[in-house]
Amino acid sequence: MPTTFRIDGSRIHDIASFYEVMNELLMQDEDWDLGPSLDALDDVLYGGIGSLRDLDDVHFVWTDHDASRTSLGVTATRAWLQEKLERGAPFDTARITAQLDDLDTDRGKTYFDLLLEVFASHPDIRLELA
């Protein structure tokens, strides 16, 4: 029987609130929080940390995902990329500039799209958009 976690999309209004929700779901038994990072989320989804420790069959249900898709869409993604661009090193500014250009031409991936890719890279975890 899978262990199911519900991501409440109605509570996600920006990138920071996505990680607040994920911390409540996954990090309650840890003395540290998941930072707002796709790499950090990827690491946690490998398991062995927090609520995913010792679980083999994991299912996430993302309710109100359409609201999250909007909140984590082009505007949020542009702000996230722009912040990285302004900070410069260690970020690849040429790559970030290309990502911003792609957003301008509707070819770019939004933060929501990137989150879906992170989940999809874990074949032992199922994500249902509800």
N, C-alpha and C. Protein backbone atom coordinates (compact mmCIF):
# COMPACT_ATOMS: atom_id res chain seq x y z
N MET A 1 0.84 -1.19 0.00
CA MET A 1 0.00 0.00 0.00
C MET A 1 0.89 1.24 0.00
N PRO A 2 0.67 2.14 -0.94
CA PRO A 2 1.53 3.34 -0.99
C PRO A 2 1.25 4.30 0.16
N THR A 3 2.27 5.05 0.50
CA THR A 3 2.10 6.16 1.42
C THR A 3 1.80 7.38 0.57
N THR A 4 0.69 8.04 0.88
CA THR A 4 0.23 9.16 0.07
C THR A 4 0.44 10.48 0.80
N PHE A 5 1.00 11.42 0.07
CA PHE A 5 1.18 12.79 0.55
C PHE A 5 0.36 13.70 -0.34
N ARG A 6 -0.35 14.64 0.25
CA ARG A 6 -1.18 15.57 -0.51
C ARG A 6 -0.54 16.95 -0.51
N ILE A 7 -0.22 17.41 -1.72
CA ILE A 7 0.30 18.76 -1.90
C ILE A 7 -0.91 19.65 -2.15
N ASP A 8 -1.20 20.54 -1.22
CA ASP A 8 -2.37 21.41 -1.31
C ASP A 8 -2.03 22.62 -2.18
N GLY A 9 -2.40 22.52 -3.46
CA GLY A 9 -2.09 23.58 -4.40
C GLY A 9 -2.76 24.91 -4.09
N SER A 10 -3.83 24.89 -3.33
CA SER A 10 -4.50 26.15 -2.97
C SER A 10 -3.64 26.99 -2.02
N ARG A 11 -2.64 26.37 -1.41
CA ARG A 11 -1.74 27.08 -0.48
C ARG A 11 -0.48 27.58 -1.17
N ILE A 12 -0.33 27.26 -2.44
CA ILE A 12 0.89 27.62 -3.16
C ILE A 12 0.64 28.87 -3.98
N HIS A 13 1.32 29.95 -3.57
CA HIS A 13 1.14 31.25 -4.21
C HIS A 13 2.41 31.75 -4.88
N ASP A 14 3.52 31.09 -4.56
CA ASP A 14 4.81 31.46 -5.12
C ASP A 14 5.78 30.32 -4.81
N ILE A 15 7.02 30.49 -5.20
CA ILE A 15 8.01 29.43 -5.00
C ILE A 15 8.22 29.16 -3.51
N ALA A 16 8.32 30.21 -2.72
CA ALA A 16 8.55 30.03 -1.28
C ALA A 16 7.43 29.23 -0.63
N SER A 17 6.18 29.51 -0.99
CA SER A 17 5.07 28.78 -0.37
C SER A 17 5.03 27.31 -0.81
N PHE A 18 5.51 27.00 -2.02
CA PHE A 18 5.62 25.59 -2.41
C PHE A 18 6.53 24.85 -1.43
N TYR A 19 7.68 25.45 -1.12
CA TYR A 19 8.62 24.80 -0.21
C TYR A 19 8.10 24.77 1.23
N GLU A 20 7.30 25.74 1.62
CA GLU A 20 6.67 25.68 2.94
C GLU A 20 5.76 24.46 3.03
N VAL A 21 4.97 24.23 2.00
CA VAL A 21 4.08 23.07 1.96
C VAL A 21 4.90 21.78 2.00
N MET A 22 5.95 21.72 1.20
CA MET A 22 6.77 20.51 1.16
C MET A 22 7.48 20.26 2.49
N ASN A 23 7.91 21.32 3.16
CA ASN A 23 8.52 21.15 4.47
C ASN A 23 7.54 20.58 5.47
N GLU A 24 6.30 21.05 5.44
CA GLU A 24 5.28 20.51 6.34
C GLU A 24 5.01 19.03 6.05
N LEU A 25 5.04 18.66 4.79
CA LEU A 25 4.79 17.27 4.41
C LEU A 25 5.96 16.34 4.72
N LEU A 26 7.15 16.81 4.42
CA LEU A 26 8.29 15.90 4.40
C LEU A 26 9.34 16.10 5.48
N MET A 27 9.40 17.26 6.07
CA MET A 27 10.53 17.55 6.95
C MET A 27 10.16 17.70 8.42
N GLN A 28 8.96 17.27 8.79
CA GLN A 28 8.50 17.47 10.16
C GLN A 28 9.36 16.77 11.21
N ASP A 29 10.04 15.69 10.83
CA ASP A 29 10.87 14.97 11.79
C ASP A 29 12.35 15.36 11.71
N GLU A 30 12.64 16.37 10.95
CA GLU A 30 14.02 16.84 10.80
C GLU A 30 14.19 18.16 11.55
N ASP A 31 15.42 18.47 11.89
CA ASP A 31 15.69 19.73 12.58
C ASP A 31 16.18 20.80 11.61
N TRP A 32 15.91 20.61 10.33
CA TRP A 32 16.25 21.58 9.29
C TRP A 32 15.15 21.56 8.24
N ASP A 33 15.10 22.60 7.44
CA ASP A 33 14.07 22.72 6.41
C ASP A 33 14.67 22.60 5.02
N LEU A 34 13.85 22.15 4.13
CA LEU A 34 14.18 22.11 2.72
C LEU A 34 14.21 23.54 2.19
N GLY A 35 15.31 23.94 1.61
CA GLY A 35 15.41 25.28 1.05
C GLY A 35 14.75 25.36 -0.32
N PRO A 36 14.52 26.56 -0.80
CA PRO A 36 13.86 26.73 -2.10
C PRO A 36 14.81 26.42 -3.25
N SER A 37 14.99 25.14 -3.51
CA SER A 37 15.96 24.68 -4.50
C SER A 37 15.46 23.41 -5.17
N LEU A 38 15.47 23.40 -6.48
CA LEU A 38 15.10 22.18 -7.22
C LEU A 38 16.05 21.04 -6.89
N ASP A 39 17.33 21.35 -6.74
CA ASP A 39 18.31 20.31 -6.39
C ASP A 39 18.02 19.74 -5.01
N ALA A 40 17.66 20.59 -4.07
CA ALA A 40 17.35 20.11 -2.72
C ALA A 40 16.10 19.23 -2.74
N LEU A 41 15.09 19.64 -3.48
CA LEU A 41 13.89 18.80 -3.60
C LEU A 41 14.24 17.45 -4.20
N ASP A 42 15.05 17.46 -5.25
CA ASP A 42 15.49 16.23 -5.88
C ASP A 42 16.18 15.32 -4.87
N ASP A 43 17.07 15.88 -4.06
CA ASP A 43 17.78 15.10 -3.05
C ASP A 43 16.81 14.48 -2.05
N VAL A 44 15.84 15.25 -1.59
CA VAL A 44 14.89 14.74 -0.60
C VAL A 44 14.04 13.62 -1.20
N LEU A 45 13.67 13.75 -2.46
CA LEU A 45 12.82 12.73 -3.09
C LEU A 45 13.54 11.40 -3.28
N TYR A 46 14.87 11.40 -3.19
CA TYR A 46 15.59 10.13 -3.22
C TYR A 46 15.29 9.29 -1.99
N GLY A 47 14.76 9.91 -0.94
CA GLY A 47 14.40 9.18 0.26
C GLY A 47 15.51 9.20 1.28
N GLY A 48 15.24 8.55 2.41
CA GLY A 48 16.22 8.51 3.47
C GLY A 48 16.20 9.73 4.36
N ILE A 49 15.33 10.67 4.05
CA ILE A 49 15.25 11.92 4.81
C ILE A 49 13.79 12.18 5.18
N GLY A 50 13.57 12.64 6.38
CA GLY A 50 12.23 13.07 6.80
C GLY A 50 11.17 12.00 6.62
N SER A 51 10.02 12.42 6.16
CA SER A 51 8.88 11.51 6.03
C SER A 51 9.07 10.45 4.96
N LEU A 52 10.03 10.60 4.09
CA LEU A 52 10.28 9.60 3.05
C LEU A 52 11.25 8.51 3.49
N ARG A 53 11.78 8.67 4.69
CA ARG A 53 12.73 7.69 5.21
C ARG A 53 12.05 6.31 5.27
N ASP A 54 12.73 5.33 4.71
CA ASP A 54 12.30 3.92 4.75
C ASP A 54 11.00 3.65 4.00
N LEU A 55 10.61 4.51 3.09
CA LEU A 55 9.40 4.26 2.29
C LEU A 55 9.81 3.80 0.89
N ASP A 56 9.10 2.79 0.40
CA ASP A 56 9.39 2.27 -0.93
C ASP A 56 8.31 2.65 -1.94
N ASP A 57 7.09 2.83 -1.47
CA ASP A 57 5.96 3.08 -2.37
C ASP A 57 5.34 4.43 -1.98
N VAL A 58 5.68 5.46 -2.73
CA VAL A 58 5.27 6.82 -2.39
C VAL A 58 4.41 7.40 -3.51
N HIS A 59 3.34 8.03 -3.11
CA HIS A 59 2.39 8.62 -4.04
C HIS A 59 2.10 10.05 -3.56
N PHE A 60 2.30 11.02 -4.44
CA PHE A 60 1.93 12.40 -4.14
C PHE A 60 0.69 12.73 -4.95
N VAL A 61 -0.27 13.38 -4.32
CA VAL A 61 -1.45 13.89 -5.01
C VAL A 61 -1.40 15.40 -4.86
N TRP A 62 -1.30 16.08 -5.99
CA TRP A 62 -1.20 17.54 -6.00
C TRP A 62 -2.58 18.09 -6.33
N THR A 63 -3.31 18.48 -5.29
CA THR A 63 -4.65 19.04 -5.48
C THR A 63 -4.54 20.49 -5.92
N ASP A 64 -5.57 20.97 -6.59
CA ASP A 64 -5.58 22.35 -7.10
C ASP A 64 -4.30 22.68 -7.86
N HIS A 65 -3.83 21.71 -8.63
CA HIS A 65 -2.57 21.91 -9.34
C HIS A 65 -2.66 23.02 -10.38
N ASP A 66 -3.86 23.27 -10.91
CA ASP A 66 -3.99 24.36 -11.88
C ASP A 66 -3.66 25.71 -11.24
N ALA A 67 -4.07 25.89 -9.99
CA ALA A 67 -3.73 27.13 -9.27
C ALA A 67 -2.22 27.22 -9.09
N SER A 68 -1.60 26.09 -8.76
CA SER A 68 -0.14 26.08 -8.59
C SER A 68 0.56 26.34 -9.91
N ARG A 69 0.03 25.77 -10.98
CA ARG A 69 0.63 25.98 -12.31
C ARG A 69 0.66 27.48 -12.63
N THR A 70 -0.40 28.17 -12.27
CA THR A 70 -0.46 29.62 -12.50
C THR A 70 0.50 30.36 -11.57
N SER A 71 0.48 30.01 -10.29
CA SER A 71 1.34 30.68 -9.31
C SER A 71 2.82 30.45 -9.57
N LEU A 72 3.15 29.31 -10.16
CA LEU A 72 4.54 28.96 -10.43
C LEU A 72 4.83 29.05 -11.93
N GLY A 73 4.10 29.94 -12.57
CA GLY A 73 4.19 30.10 -14.02
C GLY A 73 5.27 31.08 -14.45
N VAL A 74 5.01 31.74 -15.55
CA VAL A 74 6.01 32.61 -16.19
C VAL A 74 6.46 33.73 -15.26
N THR A 75 5.54 34.39 -14.57
CA THR A 75 5.92 35.53 -13.72
C THR A 75 6.86 35.09 -12.60
N ALA A 76 6.50 34.03 -11.90
CA ALA A 76 7.35 33.52 -10.80
C ALA A 76 8.68 33.01 -11.34
N THR A 77 8.63 32.35 -12.47
CA THR A 77 9.85 31.80 -13.06
C THR A 77 10.79 32.91 -13.49
N ARG A 78 10.23 33.94 -14.11
CA ARG A 78 11.05 35.08 -14.54
C ARG A 78 11.73 35.73 -13.32
N ALA A 79 10.98 35.94 -12.25
CA ALA A 79 11.56 36.56 -11.05
C ALA A 79 12.67 35.69 -10.46
N TRP A 80 12.45 34.38 -10.43
CA TRP A 80 13.44 33.43 -9.91
C TRP A 80 14.71 33.47 -10.75
N LEU A 81 14.54 33.44 -12.07
CA LEU A 81 15.71 33.48 -12.95
C LEU A 81 16.42 34.83 -12.88
N GLN A 82 15.65 35.90 -12.81
CA GLN A 82 16.24 37.24 -12.74
C GLN A 82 17.06 37.40 -11.47
N GLU A 83 16.56 36.87 -10.36
CA GLU A 83 17.31 36.94 -9.10
C GLU A 83 18.65 36.20 -9.23
N LYS A 84 18.62 35.02 -9.85
CA LYS A 84 19.86 34.27 -10.05
C LYS A 84 20.82 35.03 -10.97
N LEU A 85 20.27 35.64 -12.01
CA LEU A 85 21.09 36.40 -12.95
C LEU A 85 21.76 37.58 -12.25
N GLU A 86 21.03 38.26 -11.39
CA GLU A 86 21.58 39.41 -10.67
C GLU A 86 22.67 39.01 -9.69
N ARG A 87 22.54 37.81 -9.12
CA ARG A 87 23.57 37.34 -8.18
C ARG A 87 24.84 36.91 -8.90
N GLY A 88 24.69 36.50 -10.16
CA GLY A 88 25.87 36.08 -10.92
C GLY A 88 26.43 34.77 -10.41
N ALA A 89 27.75 34.75 -10.21
CA ALA A 89 28.43 33.53 -9.78
C ALA A 89 27.81 33.01 -8.48
N PRO A 90 27.61 31.74 -8.36
CA PRO A 90 28.11 30.65 -9.18
C PRO A 90 27.16 30.25 -10.32
N PHE A 91 26.16 31.05 -10.59
CA PHE A 91 25.17 30.69 -11.60
C PHE A 91 25.69 30.93 -13.01
N ASP A 92 25.27 30.09 -13.93
CA ASP A 92 25.65 30.20 -15.34
C ASP A 92 24.76 31.27 -15.96
N THR A 93 25.27 32.49 -16.02
CA THR A 93 24.44 33.62 -16.46
C THR A 93 24.05 33.50 -17.93
N ALA A 94 24.88 32.91 -18.76
CA ALA A 94 24.52 32.73 -20.17
C ALA A 94 23.33 31.78 -20.29
N ARG A 95 23.35 30.73 -19.51
CA ARG A 95 22.24 29.77 -19.52
C ARG A 95 20.95 30.42 -19.01
N ILE A 96 21.07 31.20 -17.95
CA ILE A 96 19.90 31.88 -17.38
C ILE A 96 19.33 32.88 -18.38
N THR A 97 20.20 33.61 -19.06
CA THR A 97 19.74 34.56 -20.08
C THR A 97 18.98 33.82 -21.19
N ALA A 98 19.49 32.67 -21.59
CA ALA A 98 18.81 31.86 -22.61
C ALA A 98 17.45 31.38 -22.10
N GLN A 99 17.39 31.00 -20.82
CA GLN A 99 16.11 30.57 -20.24
C GLN A 99 15.11 31.72 -20.22
N LEU A 100 15.56 32.91 -19.90
CA LEU A 100 14.69 34.08 -19.92
C LEU A 100 14.20 34.38 -21.34
N ASP A 101 15.10 34.26 -22.31
CA ASP A 101 14.71 34.46 -23.70
C ASP A 101 13.66 33.43 -24.12
N ASP A 102 13.85 32.19 -23.70
CA ASP A 102 12.87 31.14 -24.01
C ASP A 102 11.50 31.45 -23.40
N LEU A 103 11.50 31.99 -22.20
CA LEU A 103 10.22 32.37 -21.57
C LEU A 103 9.53 33.45 -22.41
N ASP A 104 10.32 34.37 -22.94
CA ASP A 104 9.76 35.47 -23.74
C ASP A 104 9.12 34.97 -25.03
N THR A 105 9.56 33.84 -25.52
CA THR A 105 9.04 33.31 -26.78
C THR A 105 8.14 32.10 -26.56
N ASP A 106 7.67 31.92 -25.33
CA ASP A 106 6.76 30.82 -24.97
C ASP A 106 7.36 29.44 -25.21
N ARG A 107 8.67 29.34 -25.23
CA ARG A 107 9.33 28.04 -25.38
C ARG A 107 9.94 27.58 -24.06
N GLY A 108 9.96 28.45 -23.08
CA GLY A 108 10.63 28.15 -21.83
C GLY A 108 9.80 27.33 -20.87
N LYS A 109 10.50 26.69 -19.97
CA LYS A 109 9.85 25.91 -18.92
C LYS A 109 9.60 26.81 -17.71
N THR A 110 8.42 26.66 -17.15
CA THR A 110 8.11 27.40 -15.93
C THR A 110 8.63 26.62 -14.73
N TYR A 111 8.61 27.27 -13.59
CA TYR A 111 9.04 26.59 -12.36
C TYR A 111 8.15 25.37 -12.11
N PHE A 112 6.87 25.49 -12.41
CA PHE A 112 5.96 24.35 -12.28
C PHE A 112 6.42 23.20 -13.17
N ASP A 113 6.77 23.50 -14.41
CA ASP A 113 7.27 22.46 -15.33
C ASP A 113 8.53 21.81 -14.77
N LEU A 114 9.41 22.62 -14.22
CA LEU A 114 10.66 22.09 -13.66
C LEU A 114 10.39 21.19 -12.46
N LEU A 115 9.42 21.56 -11.63
CA LEU A 115 9.05 20.70 -10.50
C LEU A 115 8.54 19.36 -10.99
N LEU A 116 7.70 19.38 -12.02
CA LEU A 116 7.19 18.12 -12.57
C LEU A 116 8.34 17.25 -13.07
N GLU A 117 9.34 17.86 -13.67
CA GLU A 117 10.51 17.10 -14.14
C GLU A 117 11.26 16.46 -12.98
N VAL A 118 11.38 17.19 -11.88
CA VAL A 118 12.07 16.63 -10.71
C VAL A 118 11.31 15.41 -10.20
N PHE A 119 10.01 15.52 -10.06
CA PHE A 119 9.22 14.36 -9.62
C PHE A 119 9.35 13.21 -10.61
N ALA A 120 9.28 13.51 -11.90
CA ALA A 120 9.34 12.47 -12.93
C ALA A 120 10.69 11.76 -12.95
N SER A 121 11.72 12.40 -12.46
CA SER A 121 13.05 11.77 -12.45
C SER A 121 13.17 10.70 -11.35
N HIS A 122 12.12 10.51 -10.60
CA HIS A 122 12.08 9.50 -9.54
C HIS A 122 11.01 8.47 -9.88
N PRO A 123 11.38 7.44 -10.61
CA PRO A 123 10.37 6.47 -11.07
C PRO A 123 9.68 5.72 -9.94
N ASP A 124 10.27 5.72 -8.76
CA ASP A 124 9.65 5.04 -7.62
C ASP A 124 8.63 5.92 -6.91
N ILE A 125 8.46 7.15 -7.37
CA ILE A 125 7.48 8.08 -6.79
C ILE A 125 6.44 8.41 -7.85
N ARG A 126 5.19 8.26 -7.49
CA ARG A 126 4.11 8.63 -8.40
C ARG A 126 3.56 10.00 -8.01
N LEU A 127 3.33 10.83 -9.01
CA LEU A 127 2.73 12.14 -8.80
C LEU A 127 1.44 12.19 -9.60
N GLU A 128 0.36 12.46 -8.90
CA GLU A 128 -0.96 12.60 -9.55
C GLU A 128 -1.39 14.06 -9.45
N LEU A 129 -1.68 14.64 -10.58
CA LEU A 129 -2.20 16.01 -10.60
C LEU A 129 -3.72 15.94 -10.51
N ALA A 130 -4.26 16.48 -9.43
CA ALA A 130 -5.70 16.37 -9.19
C ALA A 130 -6.34 17.74 -9.09
